[in-house]
C-alpha atoms as a PDB file:
ATOM      1  CA  GLY A   1       0.000   0.000   0.000  1.00  0.00           C
ATOM      2  CA  LEU A   2       1.043   3.595  -0.625  1.00  0.00           C
ATOM      3  CA  LYS A   3       1.213   4.611   3.042  1.00  0.00           C
ATOM      4  CA  THR A   4       3.221   1.525   4.040  1.00  0.00           C
ATOM      5  CA  LEU A   5       5.558   1.972   1.091  1.00  0.00           C
ATOM      6  CA  ARG A   6       6.247   5.584   1.941  1.00  0.00           C
ATOM      7  CA  ASP A   7       6.580   5.123   5.710  1.00  0.00           C
ATOM      8  CA  ASN A   8       8.692   1.948   5.622  1.00  0.00           C
ATOM      9  CA  GLU A   9      10.741   2.213   2.423  1.00  0.00           C
ATOM     10  CA  ASN A  10      10.651   5.933   1.547  1.00  0.00           C
ATOM     11  CA  LYS A  11       9.283   5.140  -1.906  1.00  0.00           C
ATOM     12  CA  THR A  12       6.067   5.887  -3.738  1.00  0.00           C
ATOM     13  CA  TRP A  13       4.198   4.852  -6.886  1.00  0.00           C
ATOM     14  CA  MET A  14       3.571   7.542  -9.503  1.00  0.00           C
ATOM     15  CA  ILE A  15       1.416   7.214 -12.605  1.00  0.00           C
ATOM     16  CA  ILE A  16       2.871   8.734 -15.771  1.00  0.00           C
ATOM     17  CA  ARG A  17       0.467   7.861 -18.569  1.00  0.00           C
ATOM     18  CA  SER A  18      -2.806   5.985 -19.051  1.00  0.00           C
ATOM     19  CA  ARG A  19      -4.724   5.095 -22.196  1.00  0.00           C
ATOM     20  CA  MET A  20      -8.359   4.019 -21.791  1.00  0.00           C
ATOM     21  CA  GLU A  21     -10.611   2.747 -24.563  1.00  0.00           C
ATOM     22  CA  ILE A  22     -14.274   3.008 -23.579  1.00  0.00           C
ATOM     23  CA  GLY A  23     -16.857   0.621 -25.007  1.00  0.00           C
ATOM     24  CA  LYS A  24     -20.387   0.473 -23.624  1.00  0.00           C
ATOM     25  CA  ILE A  25     -21.705   2.988 -21.141  1.00  0.00           C
ATOM     26  CA  VAL A  26     -22.676   0.993 -18.070  1.00  0.00           C
ATOM     27  CA  SER A  27     -26.095   1.292 -16.443  1.00  0.00           C
ATOM     28  CA  TRP A  28     -27.277   1.134 -12.846  1.00  0.00           C
ATOM     29  CA  THR A  29     -28.373  -2.526 -13.035  1.00  0.00           C
ATOM     30  CA  ASP A  30     -25.312  -3.872 -14.920  1.00  0.00           C
ATOM     31  CA  VAL A  31     -23.029  -6.400 -13.237  1.00  0.00           C
ATOM     32  CA  LEU A  32     -19.380  -5.954 -14.190  1.00  0.00           C
ATOM     33  CA  GLU A  33     -16.307  -8.164 -14.029  1.00  0.00           C
ATOM     34  CA  LEU A  34     -12.962  -6.414 -13.764  1.00  0.00           C
ATOM     35  CA  ASP A  35      -9.613  -8.071 -14.433  1.00  0.00           C
ATOM     36  CA  THR A  36      -6.368  -6.230 -13.645  1.00  0.00           C
ATOM     37  CA  TRP A  37      -2.749  -7.311 -13.732  1.00  0.00           C
ATOM     38  CA  TYR A  38       0.827  -6.044 -13.465  1.00  0.00           C
ATOM     39  CA  GLN A  39       3.369  -6.806 -16.232  1.00  0.00           C
ATOM     40  CA  GLU A  40       7.144  -6.939 -16.518  1.00  0.00           C
ATOM     41  CA  GLY A  41       8.829  -3.588 -17.086  1.00  0.00           C
ATOM     42  CA  HIS A  42       8.554  -1.615 -20.310  1.00  0.00           C
ATOM     43  CA  ARG A  43      11.580   0.700 -20.460  1.00  0.00           C
ATOM     44  CA  ILE A  44      11.531   2.385 -17.014  1.00  0.00           C
ATOM     45  CA  TYR A  45       7.784   1.863 -16.565  1.00  0.00           C
ATOM     46  CA  SER A  46       5.709  -0.732 -14.717  1.00  0.00           C
ATOM     47  CA  PRO A  47       2.660  -1.441 -16.935  1.00  0.00           C
ATOM     48  CA  ARG A  48      -0.719  -2.166 -15.352  1.00  0.00           C
ATOM     49  CA  MET A  49      -3.563  -3.503 -17.456  1.00  0.00           C
ATOM     50  CA  VAL A  50      -7.313  -3.472 -16.827  1.00  0.00           C
ATOM     51  CA  GLU A  51     -10.227  -5.068 -18.675  1.00  0.00           C
ATOM     52  CA  CYS A  52     -13.802  -4.517 -17.531  1.00  0.00           C
ATOM     53  CA  ARG A  53     -16.711  -6.402 -19.111  1.00  0.00           C
ATOM     54  CA  ASP A  54     -20.440  -6.815 -18.690  1.00  0.00           C
ATOM     55  CA  LYS A  55     -20.742 -10.113 -16.792  1.00  0.00           C
ATOM     56  CA  ASN A  56     -23.911 -11.169 -18.618  1.00  0.00           C
ATOM     57  CA  THR A  57     -23.026 -10.230 -22.210  1.00  0.00           C
ATOM     58  CA  GLY A  58     -19.220 -10.174 -22.212  1.00  0.00           C
ATOM     59  CA  GLU A  59     -19.320  -6.734 -23.826  1.00  0.00           C
ATOM     60  CA  LEU A  60     -16.248  -4.609 -23.105  1.00  0.00           C
ATOM     61  CA  ALA A  61     -16.968  -1.617 -20.879  1.00  0.00           C
ATOM     62  CA  PHE A  62     -13.387  -0.339 -20.947  1.00  0.00           C
ATOM     63  CA  SER A  63      -9.767  -1.419 -21.155  1.00  0.00           C
ATOM     64  CA  THR A  64      -6.743   0.464 -19.878  1.00  0.00           C
ATOM     65  CA  CYS A  65      -2.958   0.384 -20.197  1.00  0.00           C
ATOM     66  CA  SER A  66      -1.166   2.534 -17.604  1.00  0.00           C
ATOM     67  CA  TRP A  67       2.513   3.309 -17.114  1.00  0.00           C
ATOM     68  CA  TRP A  68       3.720   3.644 -13.517  1.00  0.00           C
ATOM     69  CA  ILE A  69       7.118   4.280 -11.942  1.00  0.00           C
ATOM     70  CA  VAL A  70       8.393   3.747  -8.411  1.00  0.00           C
ATOM     71  CA  ILE A  71      10.123   6.842  -7.044  1.00  0.00           C
ATOM     72  CA  ASP A  72      12.887   6.665  -4.430  1.00  0.00           C
ATOM     73  CA  LEU A  73      11.934   9.709  -2.353  1.00  0.00           C
ATOM     74  CA  GLU A  74      15.375  10.036  -0.753  1.00  0.00           C
ATOM     75  CA  ARG A  75      17.167  10.249  -4.103  1.00  0.00           C
ATOM     76  CA  ASN A  76      14.158  11.670  -5.987  1.00  0.00           C
ATOM     77  CA  ARG A  77      14.857   9.206  -8.796  1.00  0.00           C
ATOM     78  CA  PRO A  78      12.893   6.359 -10.410  1.00  0.00           C
ATOM     79  CA  CYS A  79      13.687   2.784  -9.355  1.00  0.00           C
ATOM     80  CA  ARG A  80      14.030  -0.202 -11.669  1.00  0.00           C
ATOM     81  CA  PRO A  81      10.617  -1.507 -12.793  1.00  0.00           C
ATOM     82  CA  ASP A  82      11.341  -4.874 -11.120  1.00  0.00           C
ATOM     83  CA  VAL A  83      12.099  -3.347  -7.710  1.00  0.00           C
ATOM     84  CA  PHE A  84       9.113  -5.200  -6.147  1.00  0.00           C
ATOM     85  CA  LYS A  85       9.393  -8.461  -8.087  1.00  0.00           C
ATOM     86  CA  GLU A  86       9.641 -10.513  -4.870  1.00  0.00           C
ATOM     87  CA  LYS A  87       6.542  -8.913  -3.330  1.00  0.00           C
ATOM     88  CA  LEU A  88       4.535  -8.159  -6.465  1.00  0.00           C
ATOM     89  CA  PRO A  89       5.135 -10.872  -9.102  1.00  0.00           C
ATOM     90  CA  PHE A  90       4.465 -10.164 -12.753  1.00  0.00           C
ATOM     91  CA  ALA A  91       1.458 -11.815 -14.364  1.00  0.00           C
ATOM     92  CA  GLU A  92       2.205 -14.941 -16.383  1.00  0.00           C
ATOM     93  CA  LYS A  93       2.920 -13.831 -19.946  1.00  0.00           C
ATOM     94  CA  THR A  94       1.270 -16.958 -21.375  1.00  0.00           C
ATOM     95  CA  THR A  95      -2.103 -16.184 -19.772  1.00  0.00           C
ATOM     96  CA  ARG A  96      -2.271 -12.412 -19.323  1.00  0.00           C
ATOM     97  CA  TRP A  97      -0.276 -10.028 -21.462  1.00  0.00           C
ATOM     98  CA  LYS A  98      -0.967  -6.975 -23.588  1.00  0.00           C
ATOM     99  CA  ASP A  99       1.492  -4.909 -25.589  1.00  0.00           C
ATOM    100  CA  PRO A 100       2.489  -2.061 -23.209  1.00  0.00           C
ATOM    101  CA  ALA A 101       3.872   0.213 -25.952  1.00  0.00           C
ATOM    102  CA  LEU A 102       1.828   3.373 -26.484  1.00  0.00           C
ATOM    103  CA  ALA A 103       1.988   5.547 -29.576  1.00  0.00           C
ATOM    104  CA  PRO A 104       3.797   8.896 -29.352  1.00  0.00           C
ATOM    105  CA  TYR A 105       1.638  11.925 -28.711  1.00  0.00           C
ATOM    106  CA  PRO A 106       0.865  14.202 -31.667  1.00  0.00           C
ATOM    107  CA  SER A 107       2.276  17.711 -31.520  1.00  0.00           C
ATOM    108  CA  LEU A 108       0.100  20.672 -30.590  1.00  0.00           C
ATOM    109  CA  GLU A 109       0.822  22.123 -34.059  1.00  0.00           C
ATOM    110  CA  GLU A 110      -1.576  19.515 -35.499  1.00  0.00           C
ATOM    111  CA  PHE A 111      -4.451  21.215 -33.659  1.00  0.00           C
ATOM    112  CA  GLU A 112      -6.291  24.477 -34.268  1.00  0.00           C
ATOM    113  CA  ALA A 113      -4.594  27.550 -32.842  1.00  0.00           C
ATOM    114  CA  GLU A 114      -7.669  28.893 -31.068  1.00  0.00           C
ATOM    115  CA  PRO A 115      -8.908  26.882 -28.047  1.00  0.00           C
ATOM    116  CA  PHE A 116     -12.114  24.893 -28.507  1.00  0.00           C
ATOM    117  CA  GLY A 117     -12.775  25.386 -24.774  1.00  0.00           C
ATOM    118  CA  SER A 118     -11.067  26.614 -21.619  1.00  0.00           C
ATOM    119  CA  SER A 119     -11.591  26.848 -17.874  1.00  0.00           C
ATOM    120  CA  GLU A 120     -10.026  28.211 -14.700  1.00  0.00           C
ATOM    121  CA  ILE A 121      -9.302  25.557 -12.066  1.00  0.00           C
ATOM    122  CA  SER A 122      -9.958  25.776  -8.346  1.00  0.00           C
ATOM    123  CA  ILE A 123      -8.134  23.091  -6.336  1.00  0.00           C
ATOM    124  CA  SER A 124     -10.216  21.804  -3.429  1.00  0.00           C
ATOM    125  CA  TYR A 125      -9.119  19.895  -0.317  1.00  0.00           C
ATOM    126  CA  TYR A 126     -10.480  16.672  -1.809  1.00  0.00           C
ATOM    127  CA  ASP A 127      -8.314  17.041  -4.925  1.00  0.00           C
ATOM    128  CA  THR A 128      -5.183  16.240  -2.894  1.00  0.00           C
ATOM    129  CA  ASP A 129      -3.954  12.793  -1.811  1.00  0.00           C
ATOM    130  CA  TYR A 130      -1.684  11.196   0.822  1.00  0.00           C
ATOM    131  CA  ASN A 131       1.427  12.600  -0.886  1.00  0.00           C
ATOM    132  CA  GLN A 132      -0.019  16.127  -0.473  1.00  0.00           C
ATOM    133  CA  HIS A 133      -0.222  16.682  -4.226  1.00  0.00           C
ATOM    134  CA  VAL A 134      -3.172  16.806  -6.615  1.00  0.00           C
ATOM    135  CA  ASN A 135      -4.743  13.389  -7.194  1.00  0.00           C
ATOM    136  CA  ASN A 136      -4.352  12.086 -10.735  1.00  0.00           C
ATOM    137  CA  ILE A 137      -8.120  11.691 -11.269  1.00  0.00           C
ATOM    138  CA  SER A 138      -8.700  15.401 -10.649  1.00  0.00           C
ATOM    139  CA  TYR A 139      -6.719  16.321 -13.763  1.00  0.00           C
ATOM    140  CA  VAL A 140      -8.955  14.088 -15.895  1.00  0.00           C
ATOM    141  CA  THR A 141     -12.086  15.728 -14.449  1.00  0.00           C
ATOM    142  CA  TRP A 142     -10.682  19.209 -15.079  1.00  0.00           C
ATOM    143  CA  ALA A 143      -9.753  18.301 -18.658  1.00  0.00           C
ATOM    144  CA  VAL A 144     -13.344  17.204 -19.433  1.00  0.00           C
ATOM    145  CA  GLU A 145     -14.767  20.294 -17.726  1.00  0.00           C
ATOM    146  CA  SER A 146     -12.821  22.528 -20.128  1.00  0.00           C
ATOM    147  CA  PHE A 147     -15.074  21.393 -23.015  1.00  0.00           C
ATOM    148  CA  PRO A 148     -18.131  23.539 -23.796  1.00  0.00           C
ATOM    149  CA  LYS A 149     -21.247  22.288 -22.011  1.00  0.00           C
ATOM    150  CA  GLU A 150     -23.122  22.116 -25.308  1.00  0.00           C
ATOM    151  CA  PHE A 151     -20.527  19.639 -26.606  1.00  0.00           C
ATOM    152  CA  LEU A 152     -20.656  17.489 -23.446  1.00  0.00           C
ATOM    153  CA  ASP A 153     -24.464  17.313 -23.649  1.00  0.00           C
ATOM    154  CA  LYS A 154     -24.244  15.594 -27.059  1.00  0.00           C
ATOM    155  CA  ASN A 155     -20.999  13.613 -26.895  1.00  0.00           C
ATOM    156  CA  ARG A 156     -19.150  11.174 -24.672  1.00  0.00           C
ATOM    157  CA  PRO A 157     -15.502  10.010 -24.837  1.00  0.00           C
ATOM    158  CA  ASN A 158     -14.567   6.655 -26.336  1.00  0.00           C
ATOM    159  CA  LEU A 159     -10.808   7.133 -25.906  1.00  0.00           C
ATOM    160  CA  MET A 160      -8.762   9.006 -23.315  1.00  0.00           C
ATOM    161  CA  ASP A 161      -4.964   8.960 -23.502  1.00  0.00           C
ATOM    162  CA  VAL A 162      -3.570  11.079 -20.688  1.00  0.00           C
ATOM    163  CA  LYS A 163      -0.150  11.867 -19.238  1.00  0.00           C
ATOM    164  CA  TRP A 164       0.870  13.548 -16.000  1.00  0.00           C
ATOM    165  CA  GLU A 165       3.896  15.774 -16.535  1.00  0.00           C
ATOM    166  CA  LYS A 166       4.464  17.696 -13.289  1.00  0.00           C
ATOM    167  CA  GLN A 167       3.070  17.597  -9.758  1.00  0.00           C
ATOM    168  CA  SER A 168       0.661  20.279  -8.568  1.00  0.00           C
ATOM    169  CA  PHE A 169      -0.249  21.299  -5.042  1.00  0.00           C
ATOM    170  CA  ALA A 170      -3.049  23.120  -3.225  1.00  0.00           C
ATOM    171  CA  GLY A 171      -2.696  26.834  -3.894  1.00  0.00           C
ATOM    172  CA  ASP A 172      -1.279  26.426  -7.415  1.00  0.00           C
ATOM    173  CA  ASN A 173      -2.790  28.609 -10.117  1.00  0.00           C
ATOM    174  CA  LEU A 174      -4.029  26.201 -12.800  1.00  0.00           C
ATOM    175  CA  TYR A 175      -6.080  26.585 -15.962  1.00  0.00           C
ATOM    176  CA  ALA A 176      -7.042  24.296 -18.863  1.00  0.00           C
ATOM    177  CA  LYS A 177      -7.281  24.780 -22.621  1.00  0.00           C
ATOM    178  CA  THR A 178      -8.707  22.290 -25.117  1.00  0.00           C
ATOM    179  CA  PHE A 179      -7.751  22.338 -28.797  1.00  0.00           C
ATOM    180  CA  ARG A 180      -9.500  20.548 -31.676  1.00  0.00           C
ATOM    181  CA  LYS A 181      -7.448  18.688 -34.283  1.00  0.00           C
ATOM    182  CA  LYS A 182      -7.552  20.351 -37.672  1.00  0.00           C
ATOM    183  CA  ASP A 183      -9.341  17.356 -39.234  1.00  0.00           C
ATOM    184  CA  GLY A 184     -11.805  17.265 -36.308  1.00  0.00           C
ATOM    185  CA  SER A 185     -10.929  13.689 -35.280  1.00  0.00           C
ATOM    186  CA  SER A 186      -9.629  14.317 -31.763  1.00  0.00           C
ATOM    187  CA  PHE A 187      -8.927  16.909 -29.088  1.00  0.00           C
ATOM    188  CA  MET A 188      -5.919  17.807 -26.983  1.00  0.00           C
ATOM    189  CA  THR A 189      -6.354  19.356 -23.542  1.00  0.00           C
ATOM    190  CA  LYS A 190      -3.447  21.027 -21.760  1.00  0.00           C
ATOM    191  CA  ILE A 191      -3.469  22.000 -18.086  1.00  0.00           C
ATOM    192  CA  TYR A 192      -1.021  24.769 -17.286  1.00  0.00           C
ATOM    193  CA  ARG A 193       0.328  26.223 -14.041  1.00  0.00           C
ATOM    194  CA  LYS A 194       1.062  29.936 -13.749  1.00  0.00           C
ATOM    195  CA  GLU A 195       4.418  30.254 -11.984  1.00  0.00           C
ATOM    196  CA  GLU A 196       5.412  33.047  -9.589  1.00  0.00           C
ATOM    197  CA  ASP A 197       7.848  34.501 -12.144  1.00  0.00           C
ATOM    198  CA  GLY A 198       5.046  34.905 -14.704  1.00  0.00           C
ATOM    199  CA  SER A 199       5.980  31.867 -16.797  1.00  0.00           C
ATOM    200  CA  GLU A 200       3.737  28.847 -17.285  1.00  0.00           C
ATOM    201  CA  SER A 201       4.397  25.119 -17.005  1.00  0.00           C
ATOM    202  CA  GLU A 202       2.514  22.242 -18.607  1.00  0.00           C
ATOM    203  CA  VAL A 203       1.424  19.824 -15.868  1.00  0.00           C
ATOM    204  CA  PHE A 204      -1.003  17.515 -17.727  1.00  0.00           C
ATOM    205  CA  THR A 205      -2.030  16.568 -21.266  1.00  0.00           C
ATOM    206  CA  ALA A 206      -5.063  14.607 -22.470  1.00  0.00           C
ATOM    207  CA  LEU A 207      -5.724  13.300 -25.960  1.00  0.00           C
ATOM    208  CA  THR A 208      -9.405  12.401 -26.379  1.00  0.00           C
ATOM    209  CA  GLU A 209     -11.763  11.068 -29.048  1.00  0.00           C
ATOM    210  CA  TRP A 210     -15.545  11.314 -28.745  1.00  0.00           C
ATOM    211  CA  THR A 211     -18.722   9.765 -30.091  1.00  0.00           C
ATOM    212  CA  ASP A 212     -22.414  10.682 -30.016  1.00  0.00           C
ATOM    213  CA  ARG A 213     -24.243  10.042 -26.750  1.00  0.00           C
END
């Protein structure tokens, strides 16, 4: 667990990137089966996979490939991806394995110059986690909230490929901008932090594709 890991070994898990493909939209009465596993290292990352299906129909609700790293807090450096191989064995490759390689992100130049949507961000107490920094899920929520409400009323995401680039903390000045690809096929959302010297830093990026509700 995160608290035990930090208190006893001065290490922590950190998510870097996650790509989720969304199938059916689940309903209140659906029964779901979720399968998740941890794979051998990919470069410096520890891949985690998830598949979630409707138990009755077998229809895919969503699948996810995430890249994680273990940080040595004393050295402030990533550990080898097999640092926990004695305590957290890799899934058997013959029974559970998915290609952990993710495609490179497109450049922002492929998107329209003017933002499709934007929003100011207010960080609440419940946006922060045990490490005293903004929880990774909050960035995803903020990215979606930067879309115009009229768009959200008619569309829902079927792909979200997100990456966390820098940590943020309570009191940071954050804002989001969403850009539409020039061919209209996808969107890129950037969350920026206004620094004390007047500069800005990119802290989060989301690449999303949408379909009709």
